[in-house]
Each structure stands twice: as C-alpha cells, then as structure tokens.
C-alpha cells in the first residue's frame, strides 16, 4: 500500500477541496497530507479507479492549473494536464508514484 498526494497547483484556490469531495463521493477514502489530497493506492485497480475520477474531474474544469503527484515511487509535476488527462495515462502516473511499476 502506498500513500500518494494529489495536488492541483494554480487555478481556483478551492480546487483541491473540490477534488477531495469528488473522490469521497466516488467511494475513495482520502487521507491527510501536507498539501493537496492524499489517497492510498493498493494496486492497479485503485490506480485505475482514481485515474478515472481524476480524468472526469479535470475534464469539467475550465481554469488553468498544474497537477502534482507525490508518492514513494516518484514525484511528478505535470504542466499540461489536459494533454494527459485520459484515465489510462493518469492511472499510469499514479502507479509510478505508488511504486507499482
């Protein structure tokens, strides 16, 4: 099991709390982290599920922001989020951050 921080940088100041609400509404448990929203990634199924929620969430936003994923496997700061906002790519970033690759 790995804890991964998901943080949107820039854009609407409430974006991270909006994400936390969306994840919770989707049945994904969040955890407290220093910045952003924390999730536990236990395997591929978790990364796929969280990636799908992230993709949907990003697709509904009109503001400009970066996405930071930070876990034991890597820290990634993605500048052009909408270029990689499909569920499979976001799930791959989550797996890398969770050290599941």
PDB file of N, CA and C in Angstrom:
ATOM      1  N   UNK A   1       0.842  -1.168   0.000  1.00  0.00           N
ATOM      2  CA  UNK A   1       0.000   0.000   0.000  1.00  0.00           C
ATOM      3  C   UNK A   1       0.890   1.235   0.000  1.00  0.00           C
ATOM      4  N   UNK A   2       0.537   2.211  -0.836  1.00  0.00           N
ATOM      5  CA  UNK A   2       1.303   3.444  -0.907  1.00  0.00           C
ATOM      6  C   UNK A   2       0.364   4.632  -0.777  1.00  0.00           C
ATOM      7  N   UNK A   3       0.841   5.639  -0.083  1.00  0.00           N
ATOM      8  CA  UNK A   3       0.092   6.882   0.018  1.00  0.00           C
ATOM      9  C   UNK A   3       0.611   7.832  -1.044  1.00  0.00           C
ATOM     10  N   UNK A   4      -0.305   8.413  -1.810  1.00  0.00           N
ATOM     11  CA  UNK A   4       0.053   9.338  -2.877  1.00  0.00           C
ATOM     12  C   UNK A   4      -0.696  10.644  -2.652  1.00  0.00           C
ATOM     13  N   UNK A   5       0.042  11.755  -2.709  1.00  0.00           N
ATOM     14  CA  UNK A   5      -0.571  13.078  -2.618  1.00  0.00           C
ATOM     15  C   UNK A   5      -0.913  13.548  -4.022  1.00  0.00           C
ATOM     16  N   UNK A   6      -2.126  14.046  -4.181  1.00  0.00           N
ATOM     17  CA  UNK A   6      -2.584  14.623  -5.440  1.00  0.00           C
ATOM     18  C   UNK A   6      -2.841  16.093  -5.158  1.00  0.00           C
ATOM     19  N   UNK A   7      -2.142  16.961  -5.874  1.00  0.00           N
ATOM     20  CA  UNK A   7      -2.310  18.392  -5.623  1.00  0.00           C
ATOM     21  C   UNK A   7      -2.422  19.140  -6.943  1.00  0.00           C
ATOM     22  N   UNK A   8      -3.445  19.963  -7.047  1.00  0.00           N
ATOM     23  CA  UNK A   8      -3.561  20.874  -8.176  1.00  0.00           C
ATOM     24  C   UNK A   8      -2.906  22.182  -7.761  1.00  0.00           C
ATOM     25  N   UNK A   9      -2.013  22.679  -8.593  1.00  0.00           N
ATOM     26  CA  UNK A   9      -1.253  23.889  -8.303  1.00  0.00           C
ATOM     27  C   UNK A   9      -1.731  24.983  -9.252  1.00  0.00           C
ATOM     28  N   UNK A  10      -2.121  26.122  -8.705  1.00  0.00           N
ATOM     29  CA  UNK A  10      -2.650  27.218  -9.516  1.00  0.00           C
ATOM     30  C   UNK A  10      -4.138  27.045  -9.723  1.00  0.00           C
ATOM     31  N   UNK A  11      -4.721  27.977 -10.432  1.00  0.00           N
ATOM     32  CA  UNK A  11      -6.155  27.880 -10.687  1.00  0.00           C
ATOM     33  C   UNK A  11      -6.966  28.259  -9.466  1.00  0.00           C
ATOM     34  N   UNK A  12      -8.152  27.748  -9.383  1.00  0.00           N
ATOM     35  CA  UNK A  12      -9.093  28.025  -8.306  1.00  0.00           C
ATOM     36  C   UNK A  12      -8.514  27.571  -6.970  1.00  0.00           C
ATOM     37  N   UNK A  13      -8.485  28.459  -5.957  1.00  0.00           N
ATOM     38  CA  UNK A  13      -7.936  28.066  -4.657  1.00  0.00           C
ATOM     39  C   UNK A  13      -8.670  26.894  -4.002  1.00  0.00           C
ATOM     40  N   UNK A  14      -9.926  26.668  -4.354  1.00  0.00           N
ATOM     41  CA  UNK A  14     -10.693  25.583  -3.754  1.00  0.00           C
ATOM     42  C   UNK A  14     -10.642  24.283  -4.523  1.00  0.00           C
ATOM     43  N   UNK A  15      -9.779  24.203  -5.530  1.00  0.00           N
ATOM     44  CA  UNK A  15      -9.773  23.027  -6.415  1.00  0.00           C
ATOM     45  C   UNK A  15      -9.437  21.736  -5.664  1.00  0.00           C
ATOM     46  N   UNK A  16      -8.501  21.796  -4.720  1.00  0.00           N
ATOM     47  CA  UNK A  16      -8.122  20.574  -4.002  1.00  0.00           C
ATOM     48  C   UNK A  16      -9.237  20.087  -3.078  1.00  0.00           C
ATOM     49  N   UNK A  17      -9.950  21.017  -2.438  1.00  0.00           N
ATOM     50  CA  UNK A  17     -11.081  20.580  -1.607  1.00  0.00           C
ATOM     51  C   UNK A  17     -12.217  20.055  -2.483  1.00  0.00           C
ATOM     52  N   UNK A  18     -12.377  20.630  -3.685  1.00  0.00           N
ATOM     53  CA  UNK A  18     -13.371  20.095  -4.631  1.00  0.00           C
ATOM     54  C   UNK A  18     -13.014  18.663  -5.027  1.00  0.00           C
ATOM     55  N   UNK A  19     -11.723  18.420  -5.264  1.00  0.00           N
ATOM     56  CA  UNK A  19     -11.280  17.070  -5.614  1.00  0.00           C
ATOM     57  C   UNK A  19     -11.534  16.105  -4.460  1.00  0.00           C
ATOM     58  N   UNK A  20     -11.238  16.533  -3.245  1.00  0.00           N
ATOM     59  CA  UNK A  20     -11.459  15.664  -2.085  1.00  0.00           C
ATOM     60  C   UNK A  20     -12.933  15.263  -1.984  1.00  0.00           C
ATOM     61  N   UNK A  21     -13.825  16.217  -2.212  1.00  0.00           N
ATOM     62  CA  UNK A  21     -15.259  15.917  -2.183  1.00  0.00           C
ATOM     63  C   UNK A  21     -15.629  14.930  -3.286  1.00  0.00           C
ATOM     64  N   UNK A  22     -15.061  15.117  -4.479  1.00  0.00           N
ATOM     65  CA  UNK A  22     -15.372  14.233  -5.610  1.00  0.00           C
ATOM     66  C   UNK A  22     -14.884  12.817  -5.329  1.00  0.00           C
ATOM     67  N   UNK A  23     -13.661  12.691  -4.818  1.00  0.00           N
ATOM     68  CA  UNK A  23     -13.127  11.366  -4.501  1.00  0.00           C
ATOM     69  C   UNK A  23     -13.989  10.677  -3.443  1.00  0.00           C
ATOM     70  N   UNK A  24     -14.347  11.412  -2.396  1.00  0.00           N
ATOM     71  CA  UNK A  24     -15.182  10.846  -1.332  1.00  0.00           C
ATOM     72  C   UNK A  24     -16.538  10.415  -1.868  1.00  0.00           C
ATOM     73  N   UNK A  25     -17.134  11.239  -2.728  1.00  0.00           N
ATOM     74  CA  UNK A  25     -18.434  10.901  -3.317  1.00  0.00           C
ATOM     75  C   UNK A  25     -18.341   9.662  -4.201  1.00  0.00           C
ATOM     76  N   UNK A  26     -17.141   9.385  -4.715  1.00  0.00           N
ATOM     77  CA  UNK A  26     -16.918   8.204  -5.558  1.00  0.00           C
ATOM     78  C   UNK A  26     -16.537   6.979  -4.739  1.00  0.00           C
ATOM     79  N   UNK A  27     -16.536   7.116  -3.411  1.00  0.00           N
ATOM     80  CA  UNK A  27     -16.213   5.992  -2.542  1.00  0.00           C
ATOM     81  C   UNK A  27     -14.729   5.777  -2.324  1.00  0.00           C
ATOM     82  N   UNK A  28     -13.922   6.763  -2.674  1.00  0.00           N
ATOM     83  CA  UNK A  28     -12.472   6.658  -2.493  1.00  0.00           C
ATOM     84  C   UNK A  28     -12.104   7.381  -1.206  1.00  0.00           C
ATOM     85  N   UNK A  29     -11.490   6.647  -0.284  1.00  0.00           N
ATOM     86  CA  UNK A  29     -11.113   7.226   1.002  1.00  0.00           C
ATOM     87  C   UNK A  29      -9.922   8.153   0.812  1.00  0.00           C
ATOM     88  N   UNK A  30     -10.000   9.354   1.391  1.00  0.00           N
ATOM     89  CA  UNK A  30      -8.881  10.286   1.338  1.00  0.00           C
ATOM     90  C   UNK A  30      -8.187  10.307   2.690  1.00  0.00           C
ATOM     91  N   UNK A  31      -6.931  10.715   2.675  1.00  0.00           N
ATOM     92  CA  UNK A  31      -6.137  10.793   3.898  1.00  0.00           C
ATOM     93  C   UNK A  31      -5.496  12.174   3.975  1.00  0.00           C
ATOM     94  N   UNK A  32      -5.081  12.555   5.158  1.00  0.00           N
ATOM     95  CA  UNK A  32      -4.462  13.852   5.365  1.00  0.00           C
ATOM     96  C   UNK A  32      -3.014  13.830   4.883  1.00  0.00           C
ATOM     97  N   UNK A  33      -2.664  14.818   4.073  1.00  0.00           N
ATOM     98  CA  UNK A  33      -1.293  15.005   3.601  1.00  0.00           C
ATOM     99  C   UNK A  33      -0.946  16.482   3.763  1.00  0.00           C
ATOM    100  N   UNK A  34       0.333  16.818   3.597  1.00  0.00           N
ATOM    101  CA  UNK A  34       0.769  18.205   3.777  1.00  0.00           C
ATOM    102  C   UNK A  34       0.115  19.161   2.784  1.00  0.00           C
ATOM    103  N   UNK A  35      -0.023  18.734   1.537  1.00  0.00           N
ATOM    104  CA  UNK A  35      -0.607  19.595   0.505  1.00  0.00           C
ATOM    105  C   UNK A  35      -1.455  18.747  -0.434  1.00  0.00           C
ATOM    106  N   UNK A  36      -2.602  19.270  -0.809  1.00  0.00           N
ATOM    107  CA  UNK A  36      -3.465  18.540  -1.727  1.00  0.00           C
ATOM    108  C   UNK A  36      -4.315  17.511  -1.009  1.00  0.00           C
ATOM    109  N   UNK A  37      -4.584  16.424  -1.713  1.00  0.00           N
ATOM    110  CA  UNK A  37      -5.446  15.352  -1.217  1.00  0.00           C
ATOM    111  C   UNK A  37      -4.658  14.050  -1.252  1.00  0.00           C
ATOM    112  N   UNK A  38      -4.688  13.297  -0.181  1.00  0.00           N
ATOM    113  CA  UNK A  38      -3.982  12.023  -0.136  1.00  0.00           C
ATOM    114  C   UNK A  38      -4.911  10.858  -0.409  1.00  0.00           C
ATOM    115  N   UNK A  39      -4.398   9.869  -1.127  1.00  0.00           N
ATOM    116  CA  UNK A  39      -5.134   8.632  -1.391  1.00  0.00           C
ATOM    117  C   UNK A  39      -4.197   7.454  -1.157  1.00  0.00           C
ATOM    118  N   UNK A  40      -4.776   6.295  -0.883  1.00  0.00           N
ATOM    119  CA  UNK A  40      -3.993   5.061  -0.769  1.00  0.00           C
ATOM    120  C   UNK A  40      -4.155   4.290  -2.068  1.00  0.00           C
ATOM    121  N   UNK A  41      -3.044   3.899  -2.636  1.00  0.00           N
ATOM    122  CA  UNK A  41      -3.059   3.128  -3.874  1.00  0.00           C
ATOM    123  C   UNK A  41      -2.504   1.750  -3.542  1.00  0.00           C
ATOM    124  N   UNK A  42      -3.392   0.752  -3.502  1.00  0.00           N
ATOM    125  CA  UNK A  42      -3.005  -0.605  -3.127  1.00  0.00           C
ATOM    126  C   UNK A  42      -2.692  -1.487  -4.322  1.00  0.00           C
ATOM    127  N   UNK A  43      -3.066  -1.066  -5.504  1.00  0.00           N
ATOM    128  CA  UNK A  43      -2.821  -1.889  -6.681  1.00  0.00           C
ATOM    129  C   UNK A  43      -3.343  -1.216  -7.936  1.00  0.00           C
ATOM    130  N   UNK A  44      -3.288  -1.957  -9.022  1.00  0.00           N
ATOM    131  CA  UNK A  44      -3.701  -1.438 -10.323  1.00  0.00           C
ATOM    132  C   UNK A  44      -5.167  -1.010 -10.311  1.00  0.00           C
ATOM    133  N   UNK A  45      -6.021  -1.786  -9.671  1.00  0.00           N
ATOM    134  CA  UNK A  45      -7.450  -1.441  -9.637  1.00  0.00           C
ATOM    135  C   UNK A  45      -7.676  -0.085  -8.979  1.00  0.00           C
ATOM    136  N   UNK A  46      -6.948   0.196  -7.893  1.00  0.00           N
ATOM    137  CA  UNK A  46      -7.072   1.503  -7.239  1.00  0.00           C
ATOM    138  C   UNK A  46      -6.609   2.621  -8.160  1.00  0.00           C
ATOM    139  N   UNK A  47      -5.470   2.426  -8.810  1.00  0.00           N
ATOM    140  CA  UNK A  47      -4.958   3.480  -9.692  1.00  0.00           C
ATOM    141  C   UNK A  47      -5.910   3.718 -10.857  1.00  0.00           C
ATOM    142  N   UNK A  48      -6.504   2.660 -11.394  1.00  0.00           N
ATOM    143  CA  UNK A  48      -7.470   2.815 -12.487  1.00  0.00           C
ATOM    144  C   UNK A  48      -8.701   3.594 -12.026  1.00  0.00           C
ATOM    145  N   UNK A  49      -9.189   3.252 -10.850  1.00  0.00           N
ATOM    146  CA  UNK A  49     -10.391   3.912 -10.320  1.00  0.00           C
ATOM    147  C   UNK A  49     -10.133   5.388 -10.023  1.00  0.00           C
ATOM    148  N   UNK A  50      -9.021   5.677  -9.369  1.00  0.00           N
ATOM    149  CA  UNK A  50      -8.682   7.061  -9.044  1.00  0.00           C
ATOM    150  C   UNK A  50      -8.374   7.835 -10.324  1.00  0.00           C
ATOM    151  N   UNK A  51      -7.678   7.205 -11.272  1.00  0.00           N
ATOM    152  CA  UNK A  51      -7.383   7.850 -12.552  1.00  0.00           C
ATOM    153  C   UNK A  51      -8.645   8.243 -13.298  1.00  0.00           C
ATOM    154  N   UNK A  52      -9.665   7.401 -13.250  1.00  0.00           N
ATOM    155  CA  UNK A  52     -10.934   7.710 -13.922  1.00  0.00           C
ATOM    156  C   UNK A  52     -11.621   8.910 -13.273  1.00  0.00           C
ATOM    157  N   UNK A  53     -11.597   8.970 -11.944  1.00  0.00           N
ATOM    158  CA  UNK A  53     -12.201  10.108 -11.242  1.00  0.00           C
ATOM    159  C   UNK A  53     -11.423  11.383 -11.552  1.00  0.00           C
ATOM    160  N   UNK A  54     -10.095  11.305 -11.531  1.00  0.00           N
ATOM    161  CA  UNK A  54      -9.266  12.468 -11.862  1.00  0.00           C
ATOM    162  C   UNK A  54      -9.546  12.964 -13.273  1.00  0.00           C
ATOM    163  N   UNK A  55      -9.626  12.052 -14.223  1.00  0.00           N
ATOM    164  CA  UNK A  55      -9.872  12.420 -15.614  1.00  0.00           C
ATOM    165  C   UNK A  55     -11.197  13.160 -15.757  1.00  0.00           C
ATOM    166  N   UNK A  56     -12.226  12.642 -15.145  1.00  0.00           N
ATOM    167  CA  UNK A  56     -13.540  13.280 -15.187  1.00  0.00           C
ATOM    168  C   UNK A  56     -13.494  14.654 -14.530  1.00  0.00           C
ATOM    169  N   UNK A  57     -12.840  14.736 -13.387  1.00  0.00           N
ATOM    170  CA  UNK A  57     -12.730  15.990 -12.642  1.00  0.00           C
ATOM    171  C   UNK A  57     -12.009  17.046 -13.474  1.00  0.00           C
ATOM    172  N   UNK A  58     -10.881  16.682 -14.069  1.00  0.00           N
ATOM    173  CA  UNK A  58     -10.106  17.617 -14.890  1.00  0.00           C
ATOM    174  C   UNK A  58     -10.918  18.069 -16.097  1.00  0.00           C
ATOM    175  N   UNK A  59     -11.638  17.150 -16.719  1.00  0.00           N
ATOM    176  CA  UNK A  59     -12.431  17.474 -17.895  1.00  0.00           C
ATOM    177  C   UNK A  59     -13.529  18.490 -17.640  1.00  0.00           C
ATOM    178  N   UNK A  60     -13.971  18.587 -16.406  1.00  0.00           N
ATOM    179  CA  UNK A  60     -15.035  19.528 -16.051  1.00  0.00           C
ATOM    180  C   UNK A  60     -14.513  20.904 -15.674  1.00  0.00           C
ATOM    181  N   UNK A  61     -13.217  21.042 -15.520  1.00  0.00           N
ATOM    182  CA  UNK A  61     -12.623  22.307 -15.078  1.00  0.00           C
ATOM    183  C   UNK A  61     -12.297  23.191 -16.276  1.00  0.00           C
ATOM    184  N   UNK A  62     -12.407  24.498 -16.082  1.00  0.00           N
ATOM    185  CA  UNK A  62     -12.032  25.436 -17.135  1.00  0.00           C
ATOM    186  C   UNK A  62     -10.826  26.276 -16.735  1.00  0.00           C
ATOM    187  N   UNK A  63     -10.441  26.224 -15.458  1.00  0.00           N
ATOM    188  CA  UNK A  63      -9.309  27.015 -15.001  1.00  0.00           C
ATOM    189  C   UNK A  63      -7.993  26.360 -15.404  1.00  0.00           C
ATOM    190  N   UNK A  64      -6.925  27.119 -15.292  1.00  0.00           N
ATOM    191  CA  UNK A  64      -5.595  26.637 -15.653  1.00  0.00           C
ATOM    192  C   UNK A  64      -4.869  26.191 -14.385  1.00  0.00           C
ATOM    193  N   UNK A  65      -4.229  25.027 -14.431  1.00  0.00           N
ATOM    194  CA  UNK A  65      -3.538  24.504 -13.255  1.00  0.00           C
ATOM    195  C   UNK A  65      -2.523  23.453 -13.677  1.00  0.00           C
ATOM    196  N   UNK A  66      -1.654  23.111 -12.745  1.00  0.00           N
ATOM    197  CA  UNK A  66      -0.707  22.005 -12.899  1.00  0.00           C
ATOM    198  C   UNK A  66      -1.150  20.908 -11.939  1.00  0.00           C
ATOM    199  N   UNK A  67      -0.708  19.695 -12.197  1.00  0.00           N
ATOM    200  CA  UNK A  67      -1.041  18.560 -11.339  1.00  0.00           C
ATOM    201  C   UNK A  67       0.247  17.981 -10.776  1.00  0.00           C
ATOM    202  N   UNK A  68       0.293  17.853  -9.441  1.00  0.00           N
ATOM    203  CA  UNK A  68       1.447  17.240  -8.777  1.00  0.00           C
ATOM    204  C   UNK A  68       1.000  15.942  -8.134  1.00  0.00           C
ATOM    205  N   UNK A  69       1.720  14.879  -8.427  1.00  0.00           N
ATOM    206  CA  UNK A  69       1.508  13.576  -7.796  1.00  0.00           C
ATOM    207  C   UNK A  69       2.786  13.233  -7.048  1.00  0.00           C
ATOM    208  N   UNK A  70       2.675  12.918  -5.771  1.00  0.00           N
ATOM    209  CA  UNK A  70       3.861  12.657  -4.962  1.00  0.00           C
ATOM    210  C   UNK A  70       3.642  11.406  -4.123  1.00  0.00           C
ATOM    211  N   UNK A  71       4.477  10.418  -4.345  1.00  0.00           N
ATOM    212  CA  UNK A  71       4.405   9.172  -3.592  1.00  0.00           C
ATOM    213  C   UNK A  71       5.789   8.602  -3.406  1.00  0.00           C
ATOM    214  N   UNK A  72       5.893   7.405  -2.857  1.00  0.00           N
ATOM    215  CA  UNK A  72       7.206   6.808  -2.607  1.00  0.00           C
ATOM    216  C   UNK A  72       7.975   6.473  -3.884  1.00  0.00           C
ATOM    217  N   UNK A  73       7.290   6.324  -5.002  1.00  0.00           N
ATOM    218  CA  UNK A  73       7.950   5.950  -6.253  1.00  0.00           C
ATOM    219  C   UNK A  73       8.480   7.119  -7.040  1.00  0.00           C
ATOM    220  N   UNK A  74       7.781   8.235  -7.004  1.00  0.00           N
ATOM    221  CA  UNK A  74       8.225   9.423  -7.724  1.00  0.00           C
ATOM    222  C   UNK A  74       7.350  10.604  -7.361  1.00  0.00           C
ATOM    223  N   UNK A  75       7.868  11.770  -7.711  1.00  0.00           N
ATOM    224  CA  UNK A  75       7.075  12.991  -7.664  1.00  0.00           C
ATOM    225  C   UNK A  75       7.010  13.514  -9.085  1.00  0.00           C
ATOM    226  N   UNK A  76       5.817  13.785  -9.556  1.00  0.00           N
ATOM    227  CA  UNK A  76       5.639  14.294 -10.914  1.00  0.00           C
ATOM    228  C   UNK A  76       4.867  15.600 -10.859  1.00  0.00           C
ATOM    229  N   UNK A  77       5.356  16.598 -11.586  1.00  0.00           N
ATOM    230  CA  UNK A  77       4.635  17.851 -11.752  1.00  0.00           C
ATOM    231  C   UNK A  77       4.283  17.955 -13.227  1.00  0.00           C
ATOM    232  N   UNK A  78       3.006  17.859 -13.527  1.00  0.00           N
ATOM    233  CA  UNK A  78       2.539  17.835 -14.907  1.00  0.00           C
ATOM    234  C   UNK A  78       1.998  19.219 -15.253  1.00  0.00           C
ATOM    235  N   UNK A  79       2.644  19.866 -16.217  1.00  0.00           N
ATOM    236  CA  UNK A  79       2.285  21.239 -16.573  1.00  0.00           C
ATOM    237  C   UNK A  79       1.069  21.297 -17.492  1.00  0.00           C
ATOM    238  N   UNK A  80       1.035  20.500 -18.517  1.00  0.00           N
ATOM    239  CA  UNK A  80      -0.068  20.495 -19.485  1.00  0.00           C
ATOM    240  C   UNK A  80      -1.012  19.338 -19.148  1.00  0.00           C
ATOM    241  N   UNK A  81      -1.760  19.485 -18.083  1.00  0.00           N
ATOM    242  CA  UNK A  81      -2.580  18.402 -17.544  1.00  0.00           C
ATOM    243  C   UNK A  81      -3.581  17.878 -18.563  1.00  0.00           C
ATOM    244  N   UNK A  82      -4.192  18.766 -19.297  1.00  0.00           N
ATOM    245  CA  UNK A  82      -5.239  18.328 -20.226  1.00  0.00           C
ATOM    246  C   UNK A  82      -4.701  17.457 -21.358  1.00  0.00           C
ATOM    247  N   UNK A  83      -3.412  17.539 -21.632  1.00  0.00           N
ATOM    248  CA  UNK A  83      -2.798  16.701 -22.666  1.00  0.00           C
ATOM    249  C   UNK A  83      -2.767  15.236 -22.226  1.00  0.00           C
ATOM    250  N   UNK A  84      -2.667  15.001 -20.929  1.00  0.00           N
ATOM    251  CA  UNK A  84      -2.555  13.634 -20.399  1.00  0.00           C
ATOM    252  C   UNK A  84      -3.733  13.280 -19.493  1.00  0.00           C
ATOM    253  N   UNK A  85      -4.864  13.918 -19.707  1.00  0.00           N
ATOM    254  CA  UNK A  85      -5.985  13.766 -18.774  1.00  0.00           C
ATOM    255  C   UNK A  85      -6.877  12.564 -19.056  1.00  0.00           C
ATOM    256  N   UNK A  86      -6.429  11.635 -19.888  1.00  0.00           N
ATOM    257  CA  UNK A  86      -7.239  10.434 -20.086  1.00  0.00           C
ATOM    258  C   UNK A  86      -7.021   9.488 -18.898  1.00  0.00           C
ATOM    259  N   UNK A  87      -8.010   8.668 -18.575  1.00  0.00           N
ATOM    260  CA  UNK A  87      -7.920   7.809 -17.385  1.00  0.00           C
ATOM    261  C   UNK A  87      -6.696   6.890 -17.368  1.00  0.00           C
ATOM    262  N   UNK A  88      -6.337   6.304 -18.496  1.00  0.00           N
ATOM    263  CA  UNK A  88      -5.218   5.348 -18.522  1.00  0.00           C
ATOM    264  C   UNK A  88      -3.887   6.032 -18.221  1.00  0.00           C
ATOM    265  N   UNK A  89      -3.671   7.213 -18.776  1.00  0.00           N
ATOM    266  CA  UNK A  89      -2.411   7.926 -18.536  1.00  0.00           C
ATOM    267  C   UNK A  89      -2.321   8.387 -17.092  1.00  0.00           C
ATOM    268  N   UNK A  90      -3.408   8.925 -16.551  1.00  0.00           N
ATOM    269  CA  UNK A  90      -3.396   9.348 -15.150  1.00  0.00           C
ATOM    270  C   UNK A  90      -3.187   8.152 -14.224  1.00  0.00           C
ATOM    271  N   UNK A  91      -3.781   7.014 -14.548  1.00  0.00           N
ATOM    272  CA  UNK A  91      -3.575   5.798 -13.752  1.00  0.00           C
ATOM    273  C   UNK A  91      -2.111   5.375 -13.791  1.00  0.00           C
ATOM    274  N   UNK A  92      -1.463   5.514 -14.943  1.00  0.00           N
ATOM    275  CA  UNK A  92      -0.039   5.163 -15.057  1.00  0.00           C
ATOM    276  C   UNK A  92       0.815   6.084 -14.188  1.00  0.00           C
ATOM    277  N   UNK A  93       0.508   7.376 -14.171  1.00  0.00           N
ATOM    278  CA  UNK A  93       1.230   8.303 -13.294  1.00  0.00           C
ATOM    279  C   UNK A  93       1.024   7.915 -11.829  1.00  0.00           C
ATOM    280  N   UNK A  94      -0.194   7.552 -11.454  1.00  0.00           N
ATOM    281  CA  UNK A  94      -0.470   7.123 -10.078  1.00  0.00           C
ATOM    282  C   UNK A  94       0.308   5.862  -9.718  1.00  0.00           C
ATOM    283  N   UNK A  95       0.364   4.904 -10.641  1.00  0.00           N
ATOM    284  CA  UNK A  95       1.123   3.667 -10.379  1.00  0.00           C
ATOM    285  C   UNK A  95       2.604   3.969 -10.183  1.00  0.00           C
ATOM    286  N   UNK A  96       3.145   4.874 -10.992  1.00  0.00           N
ATOM    287  CA  UNK A  96       4.556   5.238 -10.836  1.00  0.00           C
ATOM    288  C   UNK A  96       4.783   5.908  -9.482  1.00  0.00           C
ATOM    289  N   UNK A  97       3.907   6.822  -9.107  1.00  0.00           N
ATOM    290  CA  UNK A  97       4.044   7.498  -7.820  1.00  0.00           C
ATOM    291  C   UNK A  97       3.916   6.516  -6.660  1.00  0.00           C
ATOM    292  N   UNK A  98       3.080   5.502  -6.831  1.00  0.00           N
ATOM    293  CA  UNK A  98       2.857   4.500  -5.778  1.00  0.00           C
ATOM    294  C   UNK A  98       3.892   3.382  -5.806  1.00  0.00           C
ATOM    295  N   UNK A  99       4.818   3.442  -6.741  1.00  0.00           N
ATOM    296  CA  UNK A  99       5.887   2.444  -6.879  1.00  0.00           C
ATOM    297  C   UNK A  99       5.334   1.081  -7.283  1.00  0.00           C
ATOM    298  N   UNK A 100       4.323   1.099  -8.162  1.00  0.00           N
ATOM    299  CA  UNK A 100       3.704  -0.147  -8.612  1.00  0.00           C
ATOM    300  C   UNK A 100       4.176  -0.571  -9.998  1.00  0.00           C
ATOM    301  N   UNK A 101       5.118   0.132 -10.578  1.00  0.00           N
ATOM    302  CA  UNK A 101       5.604  -0.237 -11.914  1.00  0.00           C
ATOM    303  C   UNK A 101       6.717  -1.246 -11.830  1.00  0.00           C
TER     304      UNK A 101
END
